[in-house]
Amino acid sequence: MKAIISKECMGDRNCNKLCAEVFEYDEDQLLSIVKHDVIPKHLEDIVRQAAAECGADAITIEE
C-alpha cells in the first residue's frame, strides 16, 4: 500500500498526530509528507484512518 499527499494539504498536521511513524510535517513546504514509499503492513489501518479524517481530502491510498 502507498499513501500520497497532494498539494491540497492544509497543513493542519492531523495525520502527523495520528501516525507520526508515517507522516511528517515539512516546515519549508508547509504541508505533510509521507516518510515511506510503501506503508508498513502494521500501519495500514491507521493510515487509512488518517486519509478518511483528512479535512482537505489530500491523502490518497493506492492498494
Protein backbone atom coordinates (compact mmCIF):
# COMPACT_ATOMS: atom_id res chain seq x y z
CA MET A 1 0.00 0.00 0.00
CA LYS A 2 1.12 3.55 -0.75
CA ALA A 3 -0.05 6.89 0.61
CA ILE A 4 0.26 10.10 -1.37
CA ILE A 5 -0.36 13.63 -0.10
CA SER A 6 -1.49 16.16 -2.67
CA LYS A 7 -0.89 19.91 -2.75
CA GLU A 8 -4.41 20.25 -1.31
CA CYS A 9 -2.88 19.58 2.12
CA MET A 10 -3.91 22.32 4.55
CA GLY A 11 -1.00 21.65 6.88
CA ASP A 12 -3.20 21.10 9.92
CA ARG A 13 -0.97 18.15 10.93
CA ASN A 14 -3.81 15.85 11.93
CA CYS A 15 -2.23 12.95 10.05
CA ASN A 16 1.08 13.65 11.78
CA LYS A 17 -0.59 13.46 15.18
CA LEU A 18 -2.45 10.30 14.24
CA CYS A 19 0.51 8.43 12.76
CA ALA A 20 3.89 10.09 13.23
CA GLU A 21 5.61 6.91 12.05
CA VAL A 22 4.30 7.54 8.53
CA PHE A 23 3.53 11.27 8.23
CA GLU A 24 5.89 14.17 8.84
CA TYR A 25 5.38 17.92 8.55
CA ASP A 26 7.65 19.74 6.11
CA GLU A 27 8.25 23.23 7.51
CA ASP A 28 9.59 24.50 4.17
CA GLN A 29 6.62 23.38 2.08
CA LEU A 30 4.08 23.89 4.90
CA LEU A 31 2.45 20.54 4.30
CA SER A 32 2.70 16.95 5.43
CA ILE A 33 4.78 14.36 3.63
CA VAL A 34 4.86 10.56 3.66
CA LYS A 35 8.06 9.06 5.07
CA HIS A 36 7.70 5.62 3.41
CA ASP A 37 7.42 4.57 -0.22
CA VAL A 38 5.48 1.51 0.95
CA ILE A 39 3.45 1.70 4.15
CA PRO A 40 4.44 -0.99 6.67
CA LYS A 41 1.69 -3.59 6.97
CA HIS A 42 1.09 -2.97 10.68
CA LEU A 43 0.37 0.73 9.99
CA GLU A 44 -2.03 0.35 7.07
CA ASP A 45 -5.23 0.71 9.11
CA ILE A 46 -4.10 3.89 10.86
CA VAL A 47 -3.02 5.38 7.51
CA ARG A 48 -6.46 4.59 6.08
CA GLN A 49 -7.97 6.35 9.10
CA ALA A 50 -5.75 9.39 8.52
CA ALA A 51 -6.90 9.52 4.89
CA ALA A 52 -10.56 9.25 5.92
CA GLU A 53 -10.17 12.02 8.52
CA CYS A 54 -8.20 14.41 6.30
CA GLY A 55 -10.23 17.62 6.11
CA ALA A 56 -8.80 18.53 2.71
CA ASP A 57 -9.08 15.00 1.25
CA ALA A 58 -5.39 15.38 0.47
CA ILE A 59 -4.33 11.80 1.28
CA THR A 60 -4.78 9.20 -1.44
CA ILE A 61 -4.32 5.50 -0.78
CA GLU A 62 -3.06 3.16 -3.50
CA GLU A 63 -3.52 -0.52 -2.71
